[in-house]
N, C-alpha and C. Protein backbone atom coordinates (compact mmCIF):
# COMPACT_ATOMS: atom_id res chain seq x y z
N MET A 1 102.24 -3.26 -60.68
CA MET A 1 101.46 -3.95 -60.18
C MET A 1 101.85 -5.34 -60.58
N SER A 2 101.87 -6.62 -59.89
CA SER A 2 101.54 -7.48 -60.03
C SER A 2 100.43 -8.30 -60.87
N ALA A 3 100.42 -8.87 -61.61
CA ALA A 3 98.84 -9.35 -62.27
C ALA A 3 97.90 -9.61 -61.33
N LEU A 4 98.27 -10.55 -60.21
CA LEU A 4 97.36 -10.41 -59.18
C LEU A 4 96.99 -9.19 -58.23
N ASP A 5 97.95 -7.97 -58.17
CA ASP A 5 97.64 -6.90 -57.46
C ASP A 5 96.57 -6.23 -58.64
N GLN A 6 96.80 -6.70 -59.79
CA GLN A 6 95.89 -5.67 -60.73
C GLN A 6 94.25 -6.02 -60.91
N VAL A 7 94.39 -7.54 -60.26
CA VAL A 7 93.00 -8.14 -60.39
C VAL A 7 92.62 -7.48 -58.62
N ARG A 8 93.33 -7.36 -57.80
CA ARG A 8 92.90 -6.82 -56.78
C ARG A 8 92.35 -5.54 -56.02
N ALA A 9 93.01 -4.88 -57.57
CA ALA A 9 92.89 -3.48 -57.32
C ALA A 9 91.66 -2.49 -56.97
N GLY A 10 90.93 -3.18 -57.24
CA GLY A 10 89.69 -2.74 -56.99
C GLY A 10 88.91 -1.88 -58.36
N ARG A 11 87.51 -1.20 -58.43
CA ARG A 11 86.80 -1.29 -59.71
C ARG A 11 87.29 -1.60 -60.64
N ARG A 12 86.97 -3.01 -60.43
CA ARG A 12 86.94 -3.96 -61.53
C ARG A 12 86.15 -3.87 -62.45
N VAL A 13 85.04 -3.35 -62.57
CA VAL A 13 83.74 -3.89 -63.42
C VAL A 13 84.48 -2.64 -64.17
N ARG A 14 84.43 -1.89 -64.27
CA ARG A 14 84.92 -0.22 -64.99
C ARG A 14 85.97 -0.58 -65.56
N ARG A 15 87.09 -1.42 -64.72
CA ARG A 15 88.24 -1.56 -65.17
C ARG A 15 88.44 -2.44 -66.98
N THR A 16 87.79 -3.38 -66.26
CA THR A 16 87.44 -4.76 -67.27
C THR A 16 86.46 -3.91 -68.30
N LEU A 17 85.90 -3.33 -68.36
CA LEU A 17 84.80 -2.44 -69.94
C LEU A 17 85.76 -1.45 -70.26
N GLN A 18 86.59 -1.35 -69.69
CA GLN A 18 87.68 0.16 -70.42
C GLN A 18 88.67 -0.78 -71.27
N LEU A 19 89.00 -2.35 -70.33
CA LEU A 19 90.40 -2.57 -71.28
C LEU A 19 89.72 -3.19 -72.57
N LEU A 20 88.56 -3.84 -72.61
CA LEU A 20 87.62 -4.51 -73.42
C LEU A 20 87.38 -3.53 -74.51
N VAL A 21 87.09 -2.29 -74.12
CA VAL A 21 86.56 -1.36 -75.24
C VAL A 21 88.08 -0.61 -75.66
N GLY A 22 88.92 -0.58 -75.34
CA GLY A 22 90.31 0.08 -75.52
C GLY A 22 90.78 -0.91 -76.58
N LEU A 23 90.76 -2.29 -76.02
CA LEU A 23 91.67 -3.40 -76.82
C LEU A 23 90.46 -3.35 -78.33
N ALA A 24 89.54 -3.46 -78.26
CA ALA A 24 88.44 -3.94 -79.75
C ALA A 24 89.00 -2.33 -80.51
N GLY A 25 88.71 -0.97 -79.89
CA GLY A 25 89.28 0.26 -80.53
C GLY A 25 90.53 0.06 -81.06
N TYR A 26 91.46 -0.72 -80.47
CA TYR A 26 92.91 -0.26 -80.85
C TYR A 26 92.76 -1.36 -81.97
N GLY A 27 92.34 -2.62 -82.04
CA GLY A 27 92.08 -3.45 -83.25
C GLY A 27 91.84 -2.60 -84.51
N ALA A 28 90.46 -1.81 -84.05
CA ALA A 28 90.00 -1.43 -85.21
C ALA A 28 90.65 -0.16 -85.88
N ALA A 29 91.61 0.75 -84.79
CA ALA A 29 92.36 1.95 -85.33
C ALA A 29 93.36 1.25 -86.32
N VAL A 30 93.77 0.16 -85.81
CA VAL A 30 95.26 -0.46 -86.43
C VAL A 30 94.55 -0.51 -88.12
N MET A 31 93.62 -1.09 -87.95
CA MET A 31 92.99 -1.90 -89.46
C MET A 31 92.63 -0.51 -90.17
N VAL A 32 92.27 0.33 -89.75
CA VAL A 32 91.99 2.09 -90.09
C VAL A 32 93.34 2.58 -91.02
N LEU A 33 93.97 2.54 -90.39
CA LEU A 33 95.87 2.96 -90.52
C LEU A 33 95.89 2.22 -91.84
N VAL A 34 96.25 1.03 -91.97
CA VAL A 34 96.62 0.15 -92.82
C VAL A 34 96.00 0.30 -94.32
N ARG A 35 94.28 0.40 -94.06
CA ARG A 35 93.64 0.48 -95.14
C ARG A 35 93.97 2.26 -95.99
N SER A 36 94.74 3.17 -95.19
CA SER A 36 94.96 4.60 -95.32
C SER A 36 95.72 4.07 -96.88
N GLY A 37 96.99 3.25 -96.67
CA GLY A 37 97.79 2.73 -97.68
C GLY A 37 98.74 3.50 -97.40
N LEU A 38 98.91 4.58 -96.79
CA LEU A 38 100.08 5.55 -96.58
C LEU A 38 100.90 5.32 -95.87
N GLY A 39 101.07 3.89 -95.06
CA GLY A 39 101.78 3.61 -94.16
C GLY A 39 101.39 3.63 -92.91
N ALA A 40 101.34 2.53 -91.81
CA ALA A 40 101.13 2.55 -90.92
C ALA A 40 101.82 2.30 -89.80
N ALA A 41 101.78 2.02 -88.54
CA ALA A 41 102.99 2.04 -87.56
C ALA A 41 103.69 0.60 -87.71
N SER A 42 105.05 0.79 -87.24
CA SER A 42 106.09 -0.06 -87.36
C SER A 42 105.68 -1.56 -87.16
N TRP A 43 104.50 -1.78 -85.76
CA TRP A 43 104.73 -2.97 -85.84
C TRP A 43 103.20 -3.48 -86.76
N ASN A 44 102.61 -2.69 -87.22
CA ASN A 44 101.54 -3.19 -88.47
C ASN A 44 102.33 -3.31 -89.85
N VAL A 45 102.78 -2.64 -89.63
CA VAL A 45 103.87 -2.75 -91.54
C VAL A 45 104.53 -3.87 -90.75
N LEU A 46 104.97 -4.88 -89.89
CA LEU A 46 105.22 -6.16 -89.51
C LEU A 46 104.58 -7.17 -89.62
N THR A 47 103.35 -6.65 -89.17
CA THR A 47 101.77 -7.65 -89.27
C THR A 47 101.38 -7.94 -90.68
N GLU A 48 101.35 -6.73 -91.32
CA GLU A 48 100.81 -6.63 -93.08
C GLU A 48 101.62 -7.67 -93.89
N GLY A 49 103.15 -7.33 -93.68
CA GLY A 49 104.25 -8.53 -93.97
C GLY A 49 104.14 -9.74 -93.55
N ALA A 50 104.13 -10.17 -92.82
CA ALA A 50 103.74 -11.47 -92.13
C ALA A 50 102.62 -12.16 -92.75
N ALA A 51 101.52 -11.14 -92.47
CA ALA A 51 100.08 -12.05 -93.50
C ALA A 51 100.59 -11.91 -94.58
N GLY A 52 101.11 -11.32 -95.75
CA GLY A 52 101.27 -11.57 -97.02
C GLY A 52 102.22 -12.53 -97.13
N ALA A 53 103.08 -12.99 -96.35
CA ALA A 53 104.15 -13.98 -96.59
C ALA A 53 103.94 -15.04 -96.14
N LEU A 54 102.83 -15.29 -95.08
CA LEU A 54 102.36 -16.56 -94.53
C LEU A 54 101.05 -16.85 -95.48
N GLY A 55 100.40 -15.82 -95.92
CA GLY A 55 99.17 -16.35 -96.63
C GLY A 55 97.88 -16.72 -95.41
N ILE A 56 98.04 -15.55 -94.73
CA ILE A 56 96.92 -15.54 -93.56
C ILE A 56 96.44 -14.47 -93.47
N SER A 57 95.21 -14.03 -92.52
CA SER A 57 94.46 -12.35 -92.32
C SER A 57 95.71 -11.57 -91.41
N PHE A 58 95.04 -10.39 -91.54
CA PHE A 58 96.18 -9.33 -90.95
C PHE A 58 95.85 -9.55 -89.25
N GLY A 59 94.71 -10.56 -88.91
CA GLY A 59 94.29 -10.65 -87.34
C GLY A 59 95.17 -11.92 -87.34
N TRP A 60 95.25 -12.78 -87.88
CA TRP A 60 95.94 -14.15 -87.27
C TRP A 60 97.04 -13.68 -87.51
N ALA A 61 97.90 -12.93 -88.13
CA ALA A 61 99.35 -12.32 -87.94
C ALA A 61 99.41 -11.33 -87.08
N THR A 62 98.72 -10.81 -86.51
CA THR A 62 99.04 -9.65 -85.27
C THR A 62 98.96 -10.98 -84.40
N ASN A 63 98.05 -11.91 -83.91
CA ASN A 63 98.02 -12.89 -82.87
C ASN A 63 99.35 -13.49 -83.11
N LEU A 64 99.55 -14.06 -84.08
CA LEU A 64 100.93 -14.91 -83.94
C LEU A 64 101.68 -14.20 -83.68
N ILE A 65 102.20 -12.93 -84.21
CA ILE A 65 103.27 -12.02 -83.55
C ILE A 65 103.58 -11.84 -82.16
N SER A 66 101.92 -11.68 -81.52
CA SER A 66 101.76 -11.27 -80.16
C SER A 66 102.33 -12.39 -79.52
N VAL A 67 102.06 -13.64 -79.84
CA VAL A 67 102.43 -14.90 -78.82
C VAL A 67 103.89 -14.65 -78.97
N LEU A 68 104.74 -14.53 -80.21
CA LEU A 68 105.99 -14.78 -80.36
C LEU A 68 106.62 -13.51 -79.21
N VAL A 69 106.04 -12.51 -79.67
CA VAL A 69 106.69 -11.81 -78.62
C VAL A 69 106.66 -11.89 -76.95
N LEU A 70 105.58 -12.25 -76.93
CA LEU A 70 105.50 -12.83 -75.48
C LEU A 70 106.50 -13.42 -75.03
N LEU A 71 106.96 -14.61 -75.93
CA LEU A 71 108.00 -15.79 -75.50
C LEU A 71 109.61 -14.59 -75.43
N ALA A 72 109.49 -13.47 -76.29
CA ALA A 72 110.57 -12.71 -75.87
C ALA A 72 110.53 -12.21 -74.46
N TRP A 73 109.55 -12.08 -73.75
CA TRP A 73 109.33 -11.51 -72.48
C TRP A 73 110.48 -12.34 -71.61
N LEU A 74 110.44 -13.70 -71.76
CA LEU A 74 111.37 -14.74 -70.81
C LEU A 74 112.64 -13.99 -70.56
N PRO A 75 113.43 -13.79 -71.50
CA PRO A 75 114.87 -13.31 -71.07
C PRO A 75 114.84 -12.07 -70.53
N LEU A 76 113.76 -11.27 -71.03
CA LEU A 76 113.58 -9.79 -70.11
C LEU A 76 113.34 -9.69 -68.61
N ARG A 77 112.34 -10.99 -68.74
CA ARG A 77 111.64 -10.92 -67.21
C ARG A 77 110.60 -10.03 -66.79
N GLU A 78 109.58 -10.03 -68.20
CA GLU A 78 108.64 -9.31 -67.86
C GLU A 78 107.68 -10.17 -67.47
N LEU A 79 106.31 -9.65 -66.90
CA LEU A 79 105.51 -10.68 -65.98
C LEU A 79 104.20 -9.76 -66.99
N PRO A 80 103.52 -10.78 -67.34
CA PRO A 80 102.39 -10.15 -68.03
C PRO A 80 101.04 -10.53 -66.99
N GLY A 81 99.95 -9.63 -67.30
CA GLY A 81 98.91 -9.37 -66.72
C GLY A 81 97.78 -9.78 -67.59
N PRO A 82 96.61 -9.70 -66.79
CA PRO A 82 95.23 -9.93 -67.39
C PRO A 82 94.97 -9.00 -68.52
N GLY A 83 95.67 -8.01 -68.63
CA GLY A 83 95.51 -7.40 -70.21
C GLY A 83 96.35 -7.44 -71.32
N THR A 84 97.54 -8.48 -70.60
CA THR A 84 98.38 -8.91 -71.58
C THR A 84 97.51 -10.08 -72.24
N VAL A 85 97.01 -10.75 -71.80
CA VAL A 85 96.29 -12.17 -72.17
C VAL A 85 95.09 -11.35 -73.08
N LEU A 86 94.48 -10.80 -72.66
CA LEU A 86 92.96 -10.06 -73.18
C LEU A 86 93.72 -9.38 -74.76
N ASN A 87 95.16 -8.73 -74.80
CA ASN A 87 95.66 -7.96 -75.59
C ASN A 87 96.07 -9.11 -76.81
N VAL A 88 96.08 -10.19 -76.63
CA VAL A 88 96.63 -11.51 -77.51
C VAL A 88 95.15 -11.46 -78.53
N ALA A 89 94.04 -11.94 -77.24
CA ALA A 89 93.27 -12.69 -77.97
C ALA A 89 91.75 -11.65 -78.92
N VAL A 90 92.25 -10.39 -78.52
CA VAL A 90 91.03 -9.45 -79.02
C VAL A 90 91.46 -8.36 -80.12
N VAL A 91 92.97 -7.81 -79.98
CA VAL A 91 93.33 -7.14 -81.15
C VAL A 91 93.22 -7.21 -82.37
N GLY A 92 94.10 -8.44 -82.57
CA GLY A 92 93.87 -9.37 -84.36
C GLY A 92 92.40 -9.57 -84.65
N PHE A 93 91.53 -10.03 -83.85
CA PHE A 93 90.23 -10.28 -84.40
C PHE A 93 89.21 -9.19 -84.21
N ALA A 94 89.57 -7.82 -83.56
CA ALA A 94 88.92 -6.79 -84.05
C ALA A 94 89.45 -6.03 -85.23
N ALA A 95 90.39 -6.61 -85.47
CA ALA A 95 91.09 -5.79 -86.65
C ALA A 95 90.77 -6.59 -88.08
N ASP A 96 90.08 -7.93 -87.99
CA ASP A 96 89.55 -8.63 -88.60
C ASP A 96 88.42 -8.32 -89.23
N ALA A 97 87.79 -8.09 -88.06
CA ALA A 97 86.27 -7.66 -87.78
C ALA A 97 85.97 -6.33 -88.99
N THR A 98 86.95 -5.23 -88.23
CA THR A 98 87.17 -4.37 -88.85
C THR A 98 87.29 -4.36 -90.74
N ALA A 99 88.23 -5.11 -90.76
CA ALA A 99 88.47 -5.29 -92.22
C ALA A 99 87.53 -5.75 -93.30
N ALA A 100 86.40 -6.22 -92.10
CA ALA A 100 85.46 -7.00 -93.00
C ALA A 100 84.38 -6.09 -93.62
N VAL A 101 84.39 -4.98 -92.62
CA VAL A 101 83.05 -3.93 -92.86
C VAL A 101 83.54 -2.61 -93.66
N LEU A 102 84.63 -2.20 -93.26
CA LEU A 102 85.41 -0.98 -93.55
C LEU A 102 85.48 -0.47 -95.27
N PRO A 103 84.79 0.24 -95.72
CA PRO A 103 85.62 0.28 -97.21
C PRO A 103 86.48 0.87 -97.57
N ASP A 104 87.63 0.57 -98.55
CA ASP A 104 88.71 0.99 -99.23
C ASP A 104 88.58 3.06 -99.25
N PRO A 105 89.58 3.51 -98.90
CA PRO A 105 89.12 5.03 -99.34
C PRO A 105 89.57 5.29 -100.62
N GLN A 106 88.50 6.36 -101.12
CA GLN A 106 88.61 6.33 -102.73
C GLN A 106 89.78 7.86 -102.70
N GLY A 107 90.39 7.90 -103.20
CA GLY A 107 91.22 9.24 -103.35
C GLY A 107 92.31 9.82 -101.93
N THR A 108 93.06 10.69 -102.55
CA THR A 108 93.69 10.97 -101.46
C THR A 108 92.90 11.65 -100.15
N PRO A 109 92.36 12.62 -100.69
CA PRO A 109 91.86 12.97 -99.38
C PRO A 109 91.02 12.22 -98.40
N ALA A 110 90.62 11.07 -98.58
CA ALA A 110 89.99 9.99 -98.01
C ALA A 110 91.21 9.32 -97.36
N ARG A 111 92.56 9.06 -98.31
CA ARG A 111 93.02 7.87 -97.71
C ARG A 111 93.76 8.90 -96.38
N VAL A 112 93.97 10.18 -96.89
CA VAL A 112 94.79 10.96 -95.14
C VAL A 112 93.59 11.02 -94.17
N GLY A 113 92.06 11.13 -94.59
CA GLY A 113 91.48 10.90 -93.27
C GLY A 113 91.43 9.81 -92.76
N TYR A 114 91.76 8.50 -93.59
CA TYR A 114 91.95 7.60 -92.55
C TYR A 114 93.03 7.46 -91.67
N LEU A 115 94.00 8.53 -92.41
CA LEU A 115 95.41 8.26 -91.82
C LEU A 115 95.26 8.96 -90.13
N VAL A 116 94.91 10.32 -90.47
CA VAL A 116 94.55 10.80 -89.16
C VAL A 116 93.70 10.44 -88.05
N LEU A 117 92.54 9.79 -88.95
CA LEU A 117 91.65 9.45 -87.66
C LEU A 117 92.17 7.88 -87.19
N GLY A 118 92.85 7.14 -87.79
CA GLY A 118 93.69 5.91 -87.66
C GLY A 118 94.82 6.64 -86.33
N LEU A 119 95.33 7.81 -86.66
CA LEU A 119 96.23 7.97 -85.80
C LEU A 119 95.66 7.97 -84.43
N VAL A 120 95.12 8.95 -84.17
CA VAL A 120 94.36 9.50 -83.19
C VAL A 120 93.63 8.64 -82.44
N ALA A 121 92.91 7.67 -83.38
CA ALA A 121 92.27 6.41 -82.59
C ALA A 121 92.81 5.61 -81.97
N LEU A 122 94.29 5.32 -82.68
CA LEU A 122 95.11 4.68 -81.67
C LEU A 122 95.68 4.70 -80.63
N ALA A 123 96.07 6.30 -80.61
CA ALA A 123 96.43 7.11 -79.56
C ALA A 123 95.64 6.50 -78.17
N PHE A 124 94.14 7.31 -78.75
CA PHE A 124 93.20 7.18 -77.53
C PHE A 124 92.76 5.96 -77.26
N PHE A 125 92.61 4.78 -77.99
CA PHE A 125 92.48 4.00 -77.36
C PHE A 125 93.64 2.80 -77.00
N ASP A 126 94.69 3.04 -77.07
CA ASP A 126 96.00 2.58 -76.41
C ASP A 126 96.09 2.95 -75.03
N ALA A 127 95.32 4.68 -74.69
CA ALA A 127 95.94 5.24 -73.79
C ALA A 127 94.21 4.57 -72.85
N LEU A 128 93.54 4.27 -73.32
CA LEU A 128 92.38 3.48 -73.13
C LEU A 128 92.38 2.27 -72.26
N TYR A 129 93.24 1.55 -72.99
CA TYR A 129 93.42 0.06 -72.54
C TYR A 129 94.59 -0.15 -71.67
N LEU A 130 95.66 1.13 -71.49
CA LEU A 130 96.51 1.18 -70.57
C LEU A 130 96.22 1.79 -69.14
N GLY A 131 95.19 2.55 -69.26
CA GLY A 131 94.59 3.30 -68.20
C GLY A 131 93.84 2.53 -67.33
N ALA A 132 93.28 1.24 -67.75
CA ALA A 132 92.78 0.62 -67.08
C ALA A 132 93.46 -0.58 -66.00
N GLN A 133 94.88 -0.42 -66.28
CA GLN A 133 95.65 -0.57 -65.22
C GLN A 133 95.99 -2.23 -65.40
N PHE A 134 95.69 -3.18 -66.25
CA PHE A 134 95.46 -4.72 -66.35
C PHE A 134 96.86 -4.82 -67.04
N GLY A 135 97.57 -4.55 -67.26
CA GLY A 135 98.76 -4.76 -67.97
C GLY A 135 98.91 -4.39 -69.04
N SER A 136 100.34 -4.07 -69.35
CA SER A 136 100.84 -3.91 -71.03
C SER A 136 100.74 -5.21 -71.81
N GLY A 137 100.40 -4.56 -73.01
CA GLY A 137 100.78 -5.38 -74.30
C GLY A 137 101.88 -6.15 -74.70
N PRO A 138 102.08 -7.28 -75.21
CA PRO A 138 103.28 -7.60 -75.50
C PRO A 138 104.57 -6.61 -75.88
N ARG A 139 104.11 -5.77 -77.21
CA ARG A 139 104.82 -5.24 -77.65
C ARG A 139 105.41 -4.11 -76.58
N ASP A 140 104.46 -3.19 -76.16
CA ASP A 140 104.79 -2.66 -74.82
C ASP A 140 105.50 -2.99 -73.80
N GLY A 141 105.72 -4.32 -73.60
CA GLY A 141 106.30 -5.32 -72.53
C GLY A 141 108.03 -4.87 -73.02
N ILE A 142 108.06 -5.55 -74.12
CA ILE A 142 109.13 -5.39 -74.82
C ILE A 142 110.08 -4.08 -74.52
N MET A 143 109.55 -2.84 -74.89
CA MET A 143 110.13 -1.69 -74.76
C MET A 143 110.24 -1.59 -73.31
N THR A 144 109.40 -2.01 -72.33
CA THR A 144 109.83 -1.39 -71.17
C THR A 144 110.81 -2.30 -70.14
N GLY A 145 110.81 -3.65 -71.00
CA GLY A 145 112.16 -4.31 -70.69
C GLY A 145 113.29 -4.36 -70.83
N LEU A 146 113.33 -3.96 -72.25
CA LEU A 146 114.77 -3.27 -72.90
C LEU A 146 115.10 -2.37 -72.01
N VAL A 147 114.21 -0.73 -71.97
CA VAL A 147 114.49 0.05 -70.81
C VAL A 147 115.49 -0.29 -69.44
N ARG A 148 114.73 -1.30 -69.11
CA ARG A 148 115.02 -1.85 -67.49
C ARG A 148 116.46 -2.39 -67.61
N ILE A 149 116.52 -3.39 -68.49
CA ILE A 149 117.76 -3.83 -68.96
C ILE A 149 119.15 -3.24 -69.36
N THR A 150 119.01 -2.09 -70.45
CA THR A 150 119.95 -1.18 -71.18
C THR A 150 119.93 -0.25 -70.15
N SER A 151 119.25 0.43 -69.85
CA SER A 151 119.00 1.71 -68.85
C SER A 151 118.75 2.92 -70.01
N LEU A 152 119.04 2.42 -70.91
CA LEU A 152 118.76 3.55 -72.23
C LEU A 152 117.68 4.29 -71.96
N PRO A 153 117.12 5.84 -72.46
CA PRO A 153 116.50 6.02 -72.69
C PRO A 153 115.14 5.58 -73.27
N VAL A 154 113.97 6.06 -72.90
CA VAL A 154 112.57 5.49 -73.59
C VAL A 154 112.73 5.75 -75.19
N ALA A 155 112.85 6.99 -75.48
CA ALA A 155 113.11 7.17 -76.61
C ALA A 155 114.15 6.58 -77.81
N ALA A 156 114.93 6.64 -77.28
CA ALA A 156 116.15 5.72 -77.95
C ALA A 156 115.68 4.32 -78.20
N VAL A 157 115.07 3.44 -77.22
CA VAL A 157 114.88 2.22 -77.17
C VAL A 157 113.45 2.23 -78.01
N ARG A 158 112.42 3.10 -78.11
CA ARG A 158 111.27 2.58 -78.84
C ARG A 158 111.38 3.25 -80.38
N ILE A 159 112.70 4.04 -80.59
CA ILE A 159 113.06 4.24 -81.81
C ILE A 159 113.87 3.17 -82.78
N GLY A 160 114.49 2.56 -81.91
CA GLY A 160 115.31 1.55 -82.39
C GLY A 160 114.49 0.28 -82.46
N ILE A 161 113.37 -0.21 -81.94
CA ILE A 161 112.34 -1.39 -82.01
C ILE A 161 111.56 -0.92 -83.09
N ASP A 162 111.23 0.35 -83.43
CA ASP A 162 110.27 1.03 -84.74
C ASP A 162 110.87 0.60 -85.59
N VAL A 163 112.52 1.35 -85.84
CA VAL A 163 112.97 0.98 -86.84
C VAL A 163 113.51 -0.49 -87.28
N THR A 164 113.72 -1.23 -86.52
CA THR A 164 113.90 -2.64 -86.64
C THR A 164 112.90 -3.17 -87.03
N VAL A 165 111.62 -3.25 -86.32
CA VAL A 165 110.29 -3.65 -86.99
C VAL A 165 109.88 -3.28 -87.93
N ALA A 166 109.83 -2.20 -88.46
CA ALA A 166 109.29 -1.81 -89.84
C ALA A 166 110.38 -2.06 -90.61
N GLY A 167 111.68 -2.10 -90.57
CA GLY A 167 112.49 -2.62 -91.83
C GLY A 167 112.12 -4.29 -91.81
N ALA A 168 111.85 -4.98 -90.93
CA ALA A 168 111.61 -6.24 -90.88
C ALA A 168 110.47 -6.82 -92.05
N GLY A 169 109.42 -5.61 -91.74
CA GLY A 169 108.20 -5.83 -92.12
C GLY A 169 108.10 -5.34 -93.73
N TRP A 170 108.68 -4.19 -93.95
CA TRP A 170 109.09 -3.71 -95.17
C TRP A 170 109.90 -4.93 -95.99
N LEU A 171 110.72 -5.72 -95.27
CA LEU A 171 111.36 -6.78 -96.19
C LEU A 171 110.36 -7.74 -96.04
N LEU A 172 109.29 -8.20 -95.57
CA LEU A 172 108.18 -9.21 -95.89
C LEU A 172 107.04 -8.87 -97.12
N GLY A 173 107.55 -7.41 -97.26
CA GLY A 173 106.23 -7.05 -98.19
C GLY A 173 105.13 -5.68 -97.39
N GLY A 174 105.58 -5.56 -96.28
CA GLY A 174 104.77 -4.37 -95.58
C GLY A 174 104.73 -3.19 -96.10
N THR A 175 103.81 -2.07 -96.29
CA THR A 175 103.87 -0.83 -96.30
C THR A 175 104.19 0.18 -95.66
N VAL A 176 105.61 0.82 -96.01
CA VAL A 176 105.97 1.87 -95.53
C VAL A 176 106.10 3.22 -96.08
N GLY A 177 105.56 3.86 -95.57
CA GLY A 177 105.38 5.49 -96.01
C GLY A 177 105.14 6.53 -95.16
N ALA A 178 105.05 7.63 -95.77
CA ALA A 178 104.83 8.63 -94.80
C ALA A 178 103.81 8.53 -93.49
N GLY A 179 102.85 7.76 -93.74
CA GLY A 179 101.94 7.38 -92.34
C GLY A 179 102.92 7.17 -91.03
N THR A 180 103.84 5.84 -91.83
CA THR A 180 104.97 5.44 -90.59
C THR A 180 105.79 6.31 -89.85
N VAL A 181 106.00 7.00 -90.46
CA VAL A 181 106.79 8.60 -90.10
C VAL A 181 106.08 8.98 -89.11
N LEU A 182 105.03 9.86 -89.57
CA LEU A 182 104.02 10.31 -88.72
C LEU A 182 103.42 9.57 -87.64
N VAL A 183 103.10 8.43 -87.81
CA VAL A 183 102.94 7.65 -86.47
C VAL A 183 104.06 7.31 -85.70
N ALA A 184 105.39 7.24 -86.33
CA ALA A 184 106.06 7.01 -84.94
C ALA A 184 106.40 8.45 -84.46
N LEU A 185 106.29 9.51 -84.91
CA LEU A 185 106.64 11.02 -84.25
C LEU A 185 105.46 11.59 -83.55
N CYS A 186 104.16 11.36 -83.95
CA CYS A 186 103.00 11.33 -83.32
C CYS A 186 102.34 10.82 -81.98
N LEU A 187 102.65 9.65 -82.27
CA LEU A 187 101.88 8.36 -81.14
C LEU A 187 102.13 8.75 -79.76
N GLY A 188 103.29 8.53 -79.51
CA GLY A 188 103.78 8.64 -78.17
C GLY A 188 103.15 9.79 -77.38
N PRO A 189 103.33 11.23 -78.01
CA PRO A 189 102.81 12.33 -77.30
C PRO A 189 101.31 12.40 -77.47
N LEU A 190 100.38 11.85 -78.37
CA LEU A 190 99.40 11.76 -78.27
C LEU A 190 98.69 10.74 -77.33
N VAL A 191 99.51 9.54 -76.77
CA VAL A 191 99.05 8.58 -75.66
C VAL A 191 99.64 9.64 -74.47
N GLY A 192 100.67 10.31 -74.49
CA GLY A 192 100.89 11.15 -73.19
C GLY A 192 99.55 12.37 -73.02
N PHE A 193 98.89 12.36 -73.87
CA PHE A 193 98.17 13.48 -73.72
C PHE A 193 96.71 12.50 -73.08
N PHE A 194 96.55 11.51 -74.09
CA PHE A 194 95.43 11.08 -73.48
C PHE A 194 95.03 9.72 -72.15
N LEU A 195 96.70 9.32 -71.83
CA LEU A 195 96.56 8.79 -70.93
C LEU A 195 96.02 9.04 -69.33
N PRO A 196 96.86 10.19 -69.22
CA PRO A 196 96.48 11.25 -68.01
C PRO A 196 94.55 10.97 -67.69
N LEU A 197 93.87 11.33 -68.55
CA LEU A 197 92.51 11.36 -68.79
C LEU A 197 91.65 9.97 -68.94
N ALA A 198 92.22 9.02 -69.24
CA ALA A 198 91.64 7.51 -69.38
C ALA A 198 92.33 6.74 -67.97
N ALA A 199 93.34 7.20 -67.44
CA ALA A 199 93.71 6.41 -66.21
C ALA A 199 93.02 5.98 -65.24
N VAL A 200 92.38 4.85 -64.76
CA VAL A 200 91.61 4.64 -63.64
C VAL A 200 92.33 4.85 -62.05
N ARG A 201 91.78 5.77 -61.64
CA ARG A 201 92.07 6.03 -60.23
C ARG A 201 91.88 5.00 -59.41
N LEU A 202 92.65 4.53 -58.63
CA LEU A 202 92.74 3.35 -57.74
C LEU A 202 93.17 3.62 -56.10
N PRO A 203 92.30 2.96 -55.47
CA PRO A 203 92.62 3.53 -53.70
C PRO A 203 93.99 2.38 -53.66
N ALA A 204 94.75 2.94 -52.44
CA ALA A 204 95.91 2.03 -52.14
C ALA A 204 95.16 0.88 -51.85
N PRO A 205 95.93 -0.17 -52.20
CA PRO A 205 95.45 -1.49 -51.33
C PRO A 205 95.48 -1.69 -50.10
N ARG A 206 94.78 -2.28 -49.39
CA ARG A 206 94.95 -2.36 -47.98
C ARG A 206 94.51 -4.06 -47.66
N GLY A 207 95.54 -4.46 -47.11
CA GLY A 207 95.52 -5.99 -46.69
C GLY A 207 95.48 -6.81 -47.73
N GLY A 208 95.31 -6.19 -49.14
CA GLY A 208 95.27 -7.04 -50.01
C GLY A 208 93.68 -7.38 -50.53
N GLN A 209 92.84 -6.41 -50.52
CA GLN A 209 91.68 -6.58 -49.99
C GLN A 209 91.19 -5.81 -51.38
N ALA A 210 90.27 -6.39 -52.36
CA ALA A 210 89.77 -5.59 -53.20
C ALA A 210 89.15 -4.57 -52.97
N ALA A 211 88.99 -3.10 -53.36
CA ALA A 211 88.20 -1.79 -53.25
C ALA A 211 86.88 -2.06 -53.59
């Protein structure tokens, strides 16, 4: 759906609440993964490295990278939706707010707990915001755009992006660890499990009127 179709599609109150909860939860889950110290998702590795290199907070680095990634949508001819804009505005600030209250894990069991909790929460809240059907986030748009242009399988494009982004983040000082590999292998299947449960069923549009 185009951005206008997404707004017109109906069930807007339910979808808006689901979008906001999903994005805020996504930002919180990102910080739980980072605080585990065992390695986070590839984009979070890049964000952590950029935050350290630029001397800014993790949340501000998240927002900055989101804006830069949106610029990369132009040659890919991807179109943003309301969820894309809110993604840029909400996720980074939710991550910073979580960092302010989340205690550091003490010991390996606690770190592993943070890693597992962060991974499952990231997949759930990712599916929750995507299921609201208000458009994808900047990073997901890069993947779908490259799949469309190159005709390569989604798995191949996703792996290529993850490796490139994690490598860049590591060069900037981000943490790459076992958790990075675990997230890369498990996040997709977990999102695939949660998404059918979280997706809001929308009525077929009739004459452009909201249901």
